[in-house]
């Protein structure tokens, strides 16, 4: 469970770095198709859900935080090389959220992470 959380938090940091790179480069192709605001809303729900099953989300954020600096530095060094990474972030984030919802619900969490759209 912790590794899933650490991964989605790391993906969020990647999305944030790509969004910052988009602003610096004035190039929208770095922007993930999920906005940071939307990702933050989903992460708040994830934090609530993991709390419902007794996991300290703040501790997991601390484990993932060093990756934010590494990702940002890699993007600064060679933005073009990492453009495909930025373009994949949203799909990875969605897959992680879907997988986490299944796992968290099975462990007893009541918070819904991905509302049904039908």
PDB file of N, CA and C in Angstrom:
ATOM      1  N   UNK A   1       0.826  -1.191   0.000  1.00  0.00           N
ATOM      2  CA  UNK A   1       0.000   0.000   0.000  1.00  0.00           C
ATOM      3  C   UNK A   1       0.873   1.258   0.000  1.00  0.00           C
ATOM      4  N   UNK A   2       1.900   1.270   0.831  1.00  0.00           N
ATOM      5  CA  UNK A   2       2.766   2.443   0.928  1.00  0.00           C
ATOM      6  C   UNK A   2       3.438   2.728  -0.428  1.00  0.00           C
ATOM      7  N   UNK A   3       3.835   1.672  -1.122  1.00  0.00           N
ATOM      8  CA  UNK A   3       4.505   1.897  -2.413  1.00  0.00           C
ATOM      9  C   UNK A   3       3.553   2.508  -3.440  1.00  0.00           C
ATOM     10  N   UNK A   4       2.272   2.116  -3.411  1.00  0.00           N
ATOM     11  CA  UNK A   4       1.281   2.726  -4.303  1.00  0.00           C
ATOM     12  C   UNK A   4       1.114   4.213  -3.986  1.00  0.00           C
ATOM     13  N   UNK A   5       1.035   4.519  -2.716  1.00  0.00           N
ATOM     14  CA  UNK A   5       0.889   5.920  -2.318  1.00  0.00           C
ATOM     15  C   UNK A   5       2.109   6.733  -2.713  1.00  0.00           C
ATOM     16  N   UNK A   6       3.269   6.185  -2.428  1.00  0.00           N
ATOM     17  CA  UNK A   6       4.494   6.895  -2.767  1.00  0.00           C
ATOM     18  C   UNK A   6       4.563   7.142  -4.277  1.00  0.00           C
ATOM     19  N   UNK A   7       4.095   6.171  -5.054  1.00  0.00           N
ATOM     20  CA  UNK A   7       4.132   6.331  -6.501  1.00  0.00           C
ATOM     21  C   UNK A   7       3.206   7.455  -6.962  1.00  0.00           C
ATOM     22  N   UNK A   8       1.966   7.485  -6.469  1.00  0.00           N
ATOM     23  CA  UNK A   8       1.053   8.539  -6.934  1.00  0.00           C
ATOM     24  C   UNK A   8       1.518   9.914  -6.454  1.00  0.00           C
ATOM     25  N   UNK A   9       2.086   9.980  -5.268  1.00  0.00           N
ATOM     26  CA  UNK A   9       2.612  11.253  -4.800  1.00  0.00           C
ATOM     27  C   UNK A   9       3.798  11.683  -5.681  1.00  0.00           C
ATOM     28  N   UNK A  10       4.629  10.740  -6.065  1.00  0.00           N
ATOM     29  CA  UNK A  10       5.756  11.036  -6.947  1.00  0.00           C
ATOM     30  C   UNK A  10       5.272  11.491  -8.321  1.00  0.00           C
ATOM     31  N   UNK A  11       4.235  10.847  -8.811  1.00  0.00           N
ATOM     32  CA  UNK A  11       3.654  11.249 -10.095  1.00  0.00           C
ATOM     33  C   UNK A  11       3.133  12.683  -9.991  1.00  0.00           C
ATOM     34  N   UNK A  12       2.499  13.007  -8.880  1.00  0.00           N
ATOM     35  CA  UNK A  12       2.034  14.377  -8.676  1.00  0.00           C
ATOM     36  C   UNK A  12       3.208  15.357  -8.740  1.00  0.00           C
ATOM     37  N   UNK A  13       4.308  15.021  -8.070  1.00  0.00           N
ATOM     38  CA  UNK A  13       5.479  15.900  -8.110  1.00  0.00           C
ATOM     39  C   UNK A  13       5.981  16.054  -9.549  1.00  0.00           C
ATOM     40  N   UNK A  14       5.927  14.973 -10.310  1.00  0.00           N
ATOM     41  CA  UNK A  14       6.299  15.054 -11.725  1.00  0.00           C
ATOM     42  C   UNK A  14       5.382  15.983 -12.489  1.00  0.00           C
ATOM     43  N   UNK A  15       4.079  15.878 -12.229  1.00  0.00           N
ATOM     44  CA  UNK A  15       3.113  16.764 -12.886  1.00  0.00           C
ATOM     45  C   UNK A  15       3.389  18.219 -12.535  1.00  0.00           C
ATOM     46  N   UNK A  16       3.717  18.443 -11.282  1.00  0.00           N
ATOM     47  CA  UNK A  16       4.014  19.809 -10.842  1.00  0.00           C
ATOM     48  C   UNK A  16       5.272  20.346 -11.544  1.00  0.00           C
ATOM     49  N   UNK A  17       6.290  19.508 -11.648  1.00  0.00           N
ATOM     50  CA  UNK A  17       7.515  19.919 -12.330  1.00  0.00           C
ATOM     51  C   UNK A  17       7.262  20.192 -13.805  1.00  0.00           C
ATOM     52  N   UNK A  18       6.455  19.361 -14.432  1.00  0.00           N
ATOM     53  CA  UNK A  18       6.140  19.554 -15.852  1.00  0.00           C
ATOM     54  C   UNK A  18       5.338  20.840 -16.062  1.00  0.00           C
ATOM     55  N   UNK A  19       4.435  21.131 -15.138  1.00  0.00           N
ATOM     56  CA  UNK A  19       3.652  22.362 -15.221  1.00  0.00           C
ATOM     57  C   UNK A  19       4.558  23.577 -15.078  1.00  0.00           C
ATOM     58  N   UNK A  20       5.499  23.512 -14.149  1.00  0.00           N
ATOM     59  CA  UNK A  20       6.458  24.601 -13.975  1.00  0.00           C
ATOM     60  C   UNK A  20       7.332  24.754 -15.218  1.00  0.00           C
ATOM     61  N   UNK A  21       7.742  23.633 -15.813  1.00  0.00           N
ATOM     62  CA  UNK A  21       8.554  23.684 -17.029  1.00  0.00           C
ATOM     63  C   UNK A  21       7.756  24.309 -18.169  1.00  0.00           C
ATOM     64  N   UNK A  22       6.479  23.995 -18.243  1.00  0.00           N
ATOM     65  CA  UNK A  22       5.627  24.574 -19.273  1.00  0.00           C
ATOM     66  C   UNK A  22       5.629  26.099 -19.175  1.00  0.00           C
ATOM     67  N   UNK A  23       5.531  26.605 -17.957  1.00  0.00           N
ATOM     68  CA  UNK A  23       5.537  28.057 -17.754  1.00  0.00           C
ATOM     69  C   UNK A  23       6.905  28.648 -18.105  1.00  0.00           C
ATOM     70  N   UNK A  24       7.971  27.990 -17.684  1.00  0.00           N
ATOM     71  CA  UNK A  24       9.316  28.498 -17.960  1.00  0.00           C
ATOM     72  C   UNK A  24       9.635  28.493 -19.452  1.00  0.00           C
ATOM     73  N   UNK A  25       9.245  27.430 -20.121  1.00  0.00           N
ATOM     74  CA  UNK A  25       9.540  27.290 -21.553  1.00  0.00           C
ATOM     75  C   UNK A  25       8.494  27.980 -22.431  1.00  0.00           C
ATOM     76  N   UNK A  26       7.409  28.400 -21.803  1.00  0.00           N
ATOM     77  CA  UNK A  26       6.262  28.951 -22.536  1.00  0.00           C
ATOM     78  C   UNK A  26       5.835  27.974 -23.633  1.00  0.00           C
ATOM     79  N   UNK A  27       5.705  26.718 -23.205  1.00  0.00           N
ATOM     80  CA  UNK A  27       5.383  25.629 -24.128  1.00  0.00           C
ATOM     81  C   UNK A  27       4.326  24.742 -23.472  1.00  0.00           C
ATOM     82  N   UNK A  28       3.114  24.802 -23.984  1.00  0.00           N
ATOM     83  CA  UNK A  28       2.010  24.054 -23.390  1.00  0.00           C
ATOM     84  C   UNK A  28       2.128  22.542 -23.586  1.00  0.00           C
ATOM     85  N   UNK A  29       3.029  22.096 -24.438  1.00  0.00           N
ATOM     86  CA  UNK A  29       3.160  20.651 -24.647  1.00  0.00           C
ATOM     87  C   UNK A  29       3.699  19.943 -23.408  1.00  0.00           C
ATOM     88  N   UNK A  30       4.284  20.673 -22.462  1.00  0.00           N
ATOM     89  CA  UNK A  30       4.748  20.076 -21.212  1.00  0.00           C
ATOM     90  C   UNK A  30       3.608  19.880 -20.202  1.00  0.00           C
ATOM     91  N   UNK A  31       2.478  20.545 -20.432  1.00  0.00           N
ATOM     92  CA  UNK A  31       1.372  20.476 -19.468  1.00  0.00           C
ATOM     93  C   UNK A  31       0.715  19.100 -19.475  1.00  0.00           C
ATOM     94  N   UNK A  32       0.552  18.497 -18.306  1.00  0.00           N
ATOM     95  CA  UNK A  32      -0.242  17.265 -18.223  1.00  0.00           C
ATOM     96  C   UNK A  32      -1.712  17.592 -18.513  1.00  0.00           C
ATOM     97  N   UNK A  33      -2.450  16.631 -19.035  1.00  0.00           N
ATOM     98  CA  UNK A  33      -3.856  16.898 -19.369  1.00  0.00           C
ATOM     99  C   UNK A  33      -4.732  16.995 -18.126  1.00  0.00           C
ATOM    100  N   UNK A  34      -4.235  16.584 -16.996  1.00  0.00           N
ATOM    101  CA  UNK A  34      -4.928  16.798 -15.721  1.00  0.00           C
ATOM    102  C   UNK A  34      -4.272  18.010 -15.070  1.00  0.00           C
ATOM    103  N   UNK A  35      -5.064  18.985 -14.712  1.00  0.00           N
ATOM    104  CA  UNK A  35      -4.508  20.183 -14.082  1.00  0.00           C
ATOM    105  C   UNK A  35      -4.016  19.855 -12.672  1.00  0.00           C
ATOM    106  N   UNK A  36      -3.125  20.696 -12.179  1.00  0.00           N
ATOM    107  CA  UNK A  36      -2.638  20.501 -10.809  1.00  0.00           C
ATOM    108  C   UNK A  36      -3.766  20.637  -9.797  1.00  0.00           C
ATOM    109  N   UNK A  37      -4.718  21.539 -10.053  1.00  0.00           N
ATOM    110  CA  UNK A  37      -5.848  21.690  -9.134  1.00  0.00           C
ATOM    111  C   UNK A  37      -6.661  20.404  -9.056  1.00  0.00           C
ATOM    112  N   UNK A  38      -6.915  19.798 -10.200  1.00  0.00           N
ATOM    113  CA  UNK A  38      -7.662  18.538 -10.219  1.00  0.00           C
ATOM    114  C   UNK A  38      -6.872  17.439  -9.505  1.00  0.00           C
ATOM    115  N   UNK A  39      -5.575  17.387  -9.749  1.00  0.00           N
ATOM    116  CA  UNK A  39      -4.738  16.381  -9.083  1.00  0.00           C
ATOM    117  C   UNK A  39      -4.730  16.602  -7.571  1.00  0.00           C
ATOM    118  N   UNK A  40      -4.645  17.862  -7.147  1.00  0.00           N
ATOM    119  CA  UNK A  40      -4.647  18.157  -5.706  1.00  0.00           C
ATOM    120  C   UNK A  40      -5.956  17.715  -5.047  1.00  0.00           C
ATOM    121  N   UNK A  41      -7.068  17.940  -5.735  1.00  0.00           N
ATOM    122  CA  UNK A  41      -8.365  17.510  -5.189  1.00  0.00           C
ATOM    123  C   UNK A  41      -8.382  16.000  -5.002  1.00  0.00           C
ATOM    124  N   UNK A  42      -7.884  15.284  -5.996  1.00  0.00           N
ATOM    125  CA  UNK A  42      -7.850  13.823  -5.900  1.00  0.00           C
ATOM    126  C   UNK A  42      -6.913  13.371  -4.783  1.00  0.00           C
ATOM    127  N   UNK A  43      -5.789  14.062  -4.632  1.00  0.00           N
ATOM    128  CA  UNK A  43      -4.846  13.701  -3.578  1.00  0.00           C
ATOM    129  C   UNK A  43      -5.419  13.961  -2.192  1.00  0.00           C
ATOM    130  N   UNK A  44      -6.216  15.010  -2.050  1.00  0.00           N
ATOM    131  CA  UNK A  44      -6.873  15.253  -0.753  1.00  0.00           C
ATOM    132  C   UNK A  44      -7.786  14.085  -0.399  1.00  0.00           C
ATOM    133  N   UNK A  45      -8.522  13.583  -1.401  1.00  0.00           N
ATOM    134  CA  UNK A  45      -9.394  12.425  -1.170  1.00  0.00           C
ATOM    135  C   UNK A  45      -8.575  11.190  -0.810  1.00  0.00           C
ATOM    136  N   UNK A  46      -7.457  11.020  -1.478  1.00  0.00           N
ATOM    137  CA  UNK A  46      -6.581   9.884  -1.177  1.00  0.00           C
ATOM    138  C   UNK A  46      -6.075   9.986   0.256  1.00  0.00           C
ATOM    139  N   UNK A  47      -5.640  11.172   0.660  1.00  0.00           N
ATOM    140  CA  UNK A  47      -5.162  11.367   2.030  1.00  0.00           C
ATOM    141  C   UNK A  47      -6.249  11.028   3.047  1.00  0.00           C
ATOM    142  N   UNK A  48      -7.478  11.425   2.762  1.00  0.00           N
ATOM    143  CA  UNK A  48      -8.598  11.110   3.659  1.00  0.00           C
ATOM    144  C   UNK A  48      -8.813   9.603   3.712  1.00  0.00           C
ATOM    145  N   UNK A  49      -8.827   8.966   2.544  1.00  0.00           N
ATOM    146  CA  UNK A  49      -9.091   7.529   2.481  1.00  0.00           C
ATOM    147  C   UNK A  49      -8.003   6.721   3.189  1.00  0.00           C
ATOM    148  N   UNK A  50      -6.741   7.100   3.026  1.00  0.00           N
ATOM    149  CA  UNK A  50      -5.697   6.332   3.708  1.00  0.00           C
ATOM    150  C   UNK A  50      -5.768   6.550   5.211  1.00  0.00           C
ATOM    151  N   UNK A  51      -6.182   7.730   5.617  1.00  0.00           N
ATOM    152  CA  UNK A  51      -6.384   7.975   7.046  1.00  0.00           C
ATOM    153  C   UNK A  51      -7.476   7.081   7.618  1.00  0.00           C
ATOM    154  N   UNK A  52      -8.492   6.780   6.802  1.00  0.00           N
ATOM    155  CA  UNK A  52      -9.587   5.914   7.246  1.00  0.00           C
ATOM    156  C   UNK A  52      -9.124   4.492   7.532  1.00  0.00           C
ATOM    157  N   UNK A  53      -8.004   4.099   6.934  1.00  0.00           N
ATOM    158  CA  UNK A  53      -7.503   2.741   7.195  1.00  0.00           C
ATOM    159  C   UNK A  53      -6.236   2.758   8.050  1.00  0.00           C
ATOM    160  N   UNK A  54      -5.946   3.922   8.640  1.00  0.00           N
ATOM    161  CA  UNK A  54      -4.872   4.015   9.616  1.00  0.00           C
ATOM    162  C   UNK A  54      -3.473   4.281   9.077  1.00  0.00           C
ATOM    163  N   UNK A  55      -3.359   4.774   7.867  1.00  0.00           N
ATOM    164  CA  UNK A  55      -2.044   5.094   7.305  1.00  0.00           C
ATOM    165  C   UNK A  55      -1.811   6.595   7.419  1.00  0.00           C
ATOM    166  N   UNK A  56      -0.608   6.964   7.825  1.00  0.00           N
ATOM    167  CA  UNK A  56      -0.225   8.369   7.967  1.00  0.00           C
ATOM    168  C   UNK A  56       0.250   8.889   6.614  1.00  0.00           C
ATOM    169  N   UNK A  57      -0.605   9.622   5.915  1.00  0.00           N
ATOM    170  CA  UNK A  57      -0.283  10.145   4.588  1.00  0.00           C
ATOM    171  C   UNK A  57       0.906  11.098   4.638  1.00  0.00           C
ATOM    172  N   UNK A  58       1.053  11.851   5.708  1.00  0.00           N
ATOM    173  CA  UNK A  58       2.169  12.800   5.812  1.00  0.00           C
ATOM    174  C   UNK A  58       3.513  12.077   5.782  1.00  0.00           C
ATOM    175  N   UNK A  59       3.564  10.914   6.396  1.00  0.00           N
ATOM    176  CA  UNK A  59       4.810  10.136   6.390  1.00  0.00           C
ATOM    177  C   UNK A  59       5.151   9.688   4.972  1.00  0.00           C
ATOM    178  N   UNK A  60       4.137   9.282   4.217  1.00  0.00           N
ATOM    179  CA  UNK A  60       4.366   8.824   2.841  1.00  0.00           C
ATOM    180  C   UNK A  60       4.763   9.999   1.952  1.00  0.00           C
ATOM    181  N   UNK A  61       4.146  11.173   2.182  1.00  0.00           N
ATOM    182  CA  UNK A  61       4.550  12.370   1.436  1.00  0.00           C
ATOM    183  C   UNK A  61       6.036  12.639   1.667  1.00  0.00           C
ATOM    184  N   UNK A  62       6.483  12.473   2.895  1.00  0.00           N
ATOM    185  CA  UNK A  62       7.885  12.702   3.235  1.00  0.00           C
ATOM    186  C   UNK A  62       8.800  11.741   2.480  1.00  0.00           C
ATOM    187  N   UNK A  63       8.349  10.516   2.284  1.00  0.00           N
ATOM    188  CA  UNK A  63       9.143   9.543   1.528  1.00  0.00           C
ATOM    189  C   UNK A  63       9.231   9.923   0.051  1.00  0.00           C
ATOM    190  N   UNK A  64       8.179  10.500  -0.481  1.00  0.00           N
ATOM    191  CA  UNK A  64       8.132  10.836  -1.904  1.00  0.00           C
ATOM    192  C   UNK A  64       8.780  12.182  -2.224  1.00  0.00           C
ATOM    193  N   UNK A  65       8.855  13.069  -1.271  1.00  0.00           N
ATOM    194  CA  UNK A  65       9.315  14.445  -1.515  1.00  0.00           C
ATOM    195  C   UNK A  65      10.688  14.561  -2.178  1.00  0.00           C
ATOM    196  N   UNK A  66      11.679  13.754  -1.832  1.00  0.00           N
ATOM    197  CA  UNK A  66      12.981  13.910  -2.499  1.00  0.00           C
ATOM    198  C   UNK A  66      12.911  13.731  -4.018  1.00  0.00           C
ATOM    199  N   UNK A  67      11.946  12.986  -4.495  1.00  0.00           N
ATOM    200  CA  UNK A  67      11.816  12.787  -5.934  1.00  0.00           C
ATOM    201  C   UNK A  67      11.407  14.070  -6.655  1.00  0.00           C
ATOM    202  N   UNK A  68      10.770  14.973  -5.953  1.00  0.00           N
ATOM    203  CA  UNK A  68      10.350  16.234  -6.567  1.00  0.00           C
ATOM    204  C   UNK A  68      11.560  17.023  -7.043  1.00  0.00           C
ATOM    205  N   UNK A  69      12.562  17.107  -6.221  1.00  0.00           N
ATOM    206  CA  UNK A  69      13.762  17.863  -6.584  1.00  0.00           C
ATOM    207  C   UNK A  69      14.508  17.181  -7.726  1.00  0.00           C
ATOM    208  N   UNK A  70      14.609  15.867  -7.669  1.00  0.00           N
ATOM    209  CA  UNK A  70      15.297  15.122  -8.725  1.00  0.00           C
ATOM    210  C   UNK A  70      14.588  15.323 -10.066  1.00  0.00           C
ATOM    211  N   UNK A  71      13.265  15.241 -10.056  1.00  0.00           N
ATOM    212  CA  UNK A  71      12.486  15.407 -11.280  1.00  0.00           C
ATOM    213  C   UNK A  71      12.651  16.814 -11.845  1.00  0.00           C
ATOM    214  N   UNK A  72      12.547  17.797 -10.995  1.00  0.00           N
ATOM    215  CA  UNK A  72      12.681  19.183 -11.442  1.00  0.00           C
ATOM    216  C   UNK A  72      14.056  19.438 -12.040  1.00  0.00           C
ATOM    217  N   UNK A  73      15.096  18.934 -11.419  1.00  0.00           N
ATOM    218  CA  UNK A  73      16.456  19.134 -11.928  1.00  0.00           C
ATOM    219  C   UNK A  73      16.655  18.430 -13.271  1.00  0.00           C
ATOM    220  N   UNK A  74      16.113  17.232 -13.421  1.00  0.00           N
ATOM    221  CA  UNK A  74      16.228  16.498 -14.688  1.00  0.00           C
ATOM    222  C   UNK A  74      15.538  17.270 -15.814  1.00  0.00           C
ATOM    223  N   UNK A  75      14.370  17.821 -15.520  1.00  0.00           N
ATOM    224  CA  UNK A  75      13.655  18.597 -16.527  1.00  0.00           C
ATOM    225  C   UNK A  75      14.434  19.849 -16.933  1.00  0.00           C
ATOM    226  N   UNK A  76      15.059  20.491 -15.965  1.00  0.00           N
ATOM    227  CA  UNK A  76      15.817  21.710 -16.256  1.00  0.00           C
ATOM    228  C   UNK A  76      17.027  21.415 -17.142  1.00  0.00           C
ATOM    229  N   UNK A  77      17.660  20.279 -16.899  1.00  0.00           N
ATOM    230  CA  UNK A  77      18.863  19.943 -17.662  1.00  0.00           C
ATOM    231  C   UNK A  77      18.563  19.640 -19.119  1.00  0.00           C
ATOM    232  N   UNK A  78      17.479  18.912 -19.363  1.00  0.00           N
ATOM    233  CA  UNK A  78      17.179  18.496 -20.734  1.00  0.00           C
ATOM    234  C   UNK A  78      15.664  18.392 -20.934  1.00  0.00           C
ATOM    235  N   UNK A  79      14.992  19.541 -21.067  1.00  0.00           N
ATOM    236  CA  UNK A  79      13.535  19.534 -21.185  1.00  0.00           C
ATOM    237  C   UNK A  79      13.014  18.672 -22.340  1.00  0.00           C
ATOM    238  N   UNK A  80      13.637  18.746 -23.491  1.00  0.00           N
ATOM    239  CA  UNK A  80      13.136  18.009 -24.658  1.00  0.00           C
ATOM    240  C   UNK A  80      13.170  16.498 -24.427  1.00  0.00           C
ATOM    241  N   UNK A  81      14.194  16.036 -23.749  1.00  0.00           N
ATOM    242  CA  UNK A  81      14.318  14.604 -23.462  1.00  0.00           C
ATOM    243  C   UNK A  81      13.171  14.105 -22.594  1.00  0.00           C
ATOM    244  N   UNK A  82      12.675  14.957 -21.719  1.00  0.00           N
ATOM    245  CA  UNK A  82      11.662  14.555 -20.746  1.00  0.00           C
ATOM    246  C   UNK A  82      10.237  14.924 -21.147  1.00  0.00           C
ATOM    247  N   UNK A  83      10.074  15.517 -22.317  1.00  0.00           N
ATOM    248  CA  UNK A  83       8.735  15.866 -22.784  1.00  0.00           C
ATOM    249  C   UNK A  83       7.791  14.657 -22.818  1.00  0.00           C
ATOM    250  N   UNK A  84       8.210  13.497 -23.338  1.00  0.00           N
ATOM    251  CA  UNK A  84       7.295  12.336 -23.323  1.00  0.00           C
ATOM    252  C   UNK A  84       6.870  11.941 -21.906  1.00  0.00           C
ATOM    253  N   UNK A  85       7.777  12.083 -20.947  1.00  0.00           N
ATOM    254  CA  UNK A  85       7.473  11.816 -19.541  1.00  0.00           C
ATOM    255  C   UNK A  85       6.342  12.729 -19.071  1.00  0.00           C
ATOM    256  N   UNK A  86       6.446  14.008 -19.400  1.00  0.00           N
ATOM    257  CA  UNK A  86       5.417  14.966 -18.995  1.00  0.00           C
ATOM    258  C   UNK A  86       4.071  14.620 -19.627  1.00  0.00           C
ATOM    259  N   UNK A  87       4.113  14.173 -20.860  1.00  0.00           N
ATOM    260  CA  UNK A  87       2.874  13.866 -21.561  1.00  0.00           C
ATOM    261  C   UNK A  87       2.211  12.586 -21.060  1.00  0.00           C
ATOM    262  N   UNK A  88       2.948  11.730 -20.373  1.00  0.00           N
ATOM    263  CA  UNK A  88       2.381  10.486 -19.811  1.00  0.00           C
ATOM    264  C   UNK A  88       1.883  10.634 -18.378  1.00  0.00           C
ATOM    265  N   UNK A  89       2.244  11.709 -17.721  1.00  0.00           N
ATOM    266  CA  UNK A  89       1.936  11.876 -16.296  1.00  0.00           C
ATOM    267  C   UNK A  89       0.449  11.703 -15.974  1.00  0.00           C
ATOM    268  N   UNK A  90      -0.418  12.300 -16.750  1.00  0.00           N
ATOM    269  CA  UNK A  90      -1.853  12.254 -16.441  1.00  0.00           C
ATOM    270  C   UNK A  90      -2.382  10.831 -16.506  1.00  0.00           C
ATOM    271  N   UNK A  91      -1.966  10.060 -17.495  1.00  0.00           N
ATOM    272  CA  UNK A  91      -2.476   8.683 -17.585  1.00  0.00           C
ATOM    273  C   UNK A  91      -1.959   7.846 -16.430  1.00  0.00           C
ATOM    274  N   UNK A  92      -0.716   8.064 -16.021  1.00  0.00           N
ATOM    275  CA  UNK A  92      -0.194   7.345 -14.853  1.00  0.00           C
ATOM    276  C   UNK A  92      -0.949   7.734 -13.584  1.00  0.00           C
ATOM    277  N   UNK A  93      -1.221   9.018 -13.448  1.00  0.00           N
ATOM    278  CA  UNK A  93      -1.953   9.497 -12.281  1.00  0.00           C
ATOM    279  C   UNK A  93      -3.348   8.858 -12.222  1.00  0.00           C
ATOM    280  N   UNK A  94      -4.030   8.823 -13.351  1.00  0.00           N
ATOM    281  CA  UNK A  94      -5.371   8.214 -13.391  1.00  0.00           C
ATOM    282  C   UNK A  94      -5.332   6.730 -13.048  1.00  0.00           C
ATOM    283  N   UNK A  95      -4.366   6.014 -13.619  1.00  0.00           N
ATOM    284  CA  UNK A  95      -4.258   4.577 -13.326  1.00  0.00           C
ATOM    285  C   UNK A  95      -3.973   4.343 -11.848  1.00  0.00           C
ATOM    286  N   UNK A  96      -3.073   5.135 -11.287  1.00  0.00           N
ATOM    287  CA  UNK A  96      -2.766   4.998  -9.862  1.00  0.00           C
ATOM    288  C   UNK A  96      -3.999   5.266  -9.001  1.00  0.00           C
ATOM    289  N   UNK A  97      -4.742   6.311  -9.322  1.00  0.00           N
ATOM    290  CA  UNK A  97      -5.941   6.645  -8.547  1.00  0.00           C
ATOM    291  C   UNK A  97      -6.971   5.519  -8.641  1.00  0.00           C
ATOM    292  N   UNK A  98      -7.149   4.967  -9.831  1.00  0.00           N
ATOM    293  CA  UNK A  98      -8.087   3.851 -10.003  1.00  0.00           C
ATOM    294  C   UNK A  98      -7.658   2.646  -9.169  1.00  0.00           C
ATOM    295  N   UNK A  99      -6.378   2.311  -9.250  1.00  0.00           N
ATOM    296  CA  UNK A  99      -5.865   1.166  -8.488  1.00  0.00           C
ATOM    297  C   UNK A  99      -5.968   1.397  -6.986  1.00  0.00           C
ATOM    298  N   UNK A 100      -5.644   2.604  -6.558  1.00  0.00           N
ATOM    299  CA  UNK A 100      -5.743   2.925  -5.133  1.00  0.00           C
ATOM    300  C   UNK A 100      -7.181   2.833  -4.637  1.00  0.00           C
ATOM    301  N   UNK A 101      -8.117   3.269  -5.452  1.00  0.00           N
ATOM    302  CA  UNK A 101      -9.511   3.178  -5.019  1.00  0.00           C
ATOM    303  C   UNK A 101      -9.902   1.735  -4.752  1.00  0.00           C
ATOM    304  N   UNK A 102      -9.538   0.838  -5.633  1.00  0.00           N
ATOM    305  CA  UNK A 102      -9.868  -0.581  -5.457  1.00  0.00           C
ATOM    306  C   UNK A 102      -9.231  -1.122  -4.175  1.00  0.00           C
ATOM    307  N   UNK A 103      -7.960  -0.814  -3.987  1.00  0.00           N
ATOM    308  CA  UNK A 103      -7.245  -1.318  -2.809  1.00  0.00           C
ATOM    309  C   UNK A 103      -7.801  -0.717  -1.527  1.00  0.00           C
ATOM    310  N   UNK A 104      -7.976   0.598  -1.514  1.00  0.00           N
ATOM    311  CA  UNK A 104      -8.450   1.263  -0.302  1.00  0.00           C
ATOM    312  C   UNK A 104      -9.857   0.820   0.072  1.00  0.00           C
ATOM    313  N   UNK A 105     -10.715   0.662  -0.903  1.00  0.00           N
ATOM    314  CA  UNK A 105     -12.083   0.197  -0.607  1.00  0.00           C
ATOM    315  C   UNK A 105     -12.042  -1.222  -0.042  1.00  0.00           C
ATOM    316  N   UNK A 106     -11.176  -2.065  -0.590  1.00  0.00           N
ATOM    317  CA  UNK A 106     -11.048  -3.437  -0.092  1.00  0.00           C
ATOM    318  C   UNK A 106     -10.529  -3.450   1.345  1.00  0.00           C
ATOM    319  N   UNK A 107      -9.744  -2.452   1.714  1.00  0.00           N
ATOM    320  CA  UNK A 107      -9.209  -2.359   3.069  1.00  0.00           C
ATOM    321  C   UNK A 107     -10.147  -1.636   4.035  1.00  0.00           C
ATOM    322  N   UNK A 108     -11.293  -1.175   3.526  1.00  0.00           N
ATOM    323  CA  UNK A 108     -12.294  -0.583   4.406  1.00  0.00           C
ATOM    324  C   UNK A 108     -12.480   0.915   4.312  1.00  0.00           C
ATOM    325  N   UNK A 109     -11.765   1.589   3.445  1.00  0.00           N
ATOM    326  CA  UNK A 109     -11.948   3.040   3.301  1.00  0.00           C
ATOM    327  C   UNK A 109     -13.311   3.321   2.675  1.00  0.00           C
ATOM    328  N   UNK A 110     -13.957   4.369   3.128  1.00  0.00           N
ATOM    329  CA  UNK A 110     -15.293   4.735   2.621  1.00  0.00           C
ATOM    330  C   UNK A 110     -15.245   5.861   1.577  1.00  0.00           C
ATOM    331  N   UNK A 111     -14.183   6.644   1.583  1.00  0.00           N
ATOM    332  CA  UNK A 111     -14.053   7.779   0.683  1.00  0.00           C
ATOM    333  C   UNK A 111     -13.898   7.297  -0.764  1.00  0.00           C
ATOM    334  N   UNK A 112     -14.667   7.886  -1.649  1.00  0.00           N
ATOM    335  CA  UNK A 112     -14.610   7.535  -3.070  1.00  0.00           C
ATOM    336  C   UNK A 112     -13.584   8.444  -3.742  1.00  0.00           C
ATOM    337  N   UNK A 113     -12.612   7.873  -4.420  1.00  0.00           N
ATOM    338  CA  UNK A 113     -11.575   8.641  -5.089  1.00  0.00           C
ATOM    339  C   UNK A 113     -11.934   8.983  -6.520  1.00  0.00           C
ATOM    340  N   UNK A 114     -12.581   8.039  -7.185  1.00  0.00           N
ATOM    341  CA  UNK A 114     -12.920   8.204  -8.604  1.00  0.00           C
ATOM    342  C   UNK A 114     -14.415   8.019  -8.747  1.00  0.00           C
ATOM    343  N   UNK A 115     -15.157   9.121  -8.827  1.00  0.00           N
ATOM    344  CA  UNK A 115     -16.618   8.982  -8.956  1.00  0.00           C
ATOM    345  C   UNK A 115     -16.971   8.393 -10.311  1.00  0.00           C
ATOM    346  N   UNK A 116     -18.016   7.604 -10.311  1.00  0.00           N
ATOM    347  CA  UNK A 116     -18.512   7.045 -11.578  1.00  0.00           C
ATOM    348  C   UNK A 116     -19.114   8.167 -12.397  1.00  0.00           C
ATOM    349  N   UNK A 117     -18.922   8.101 -13.681  1.00  0.00           N
ATOM    350  CA  UNK A 117     -19.442   9.151 -14.560  1.00  0.00           C
ATOM    351  C   UNK A 117     -20.605   8.664 -15.415  1.00  0.00           C
ATOM    352  N   UNK A 118     -21.294   7.657 -14.928  1.00  0.00           N
ATOM    353  CA  UNK A 118     -22.460   7.170 -15.664  1.00  0.00           C
ATOM    354  C   UNK A 118     -23.628   7.023 -14.728  1.00  0.00           C
TER     355      UNK A 118
END
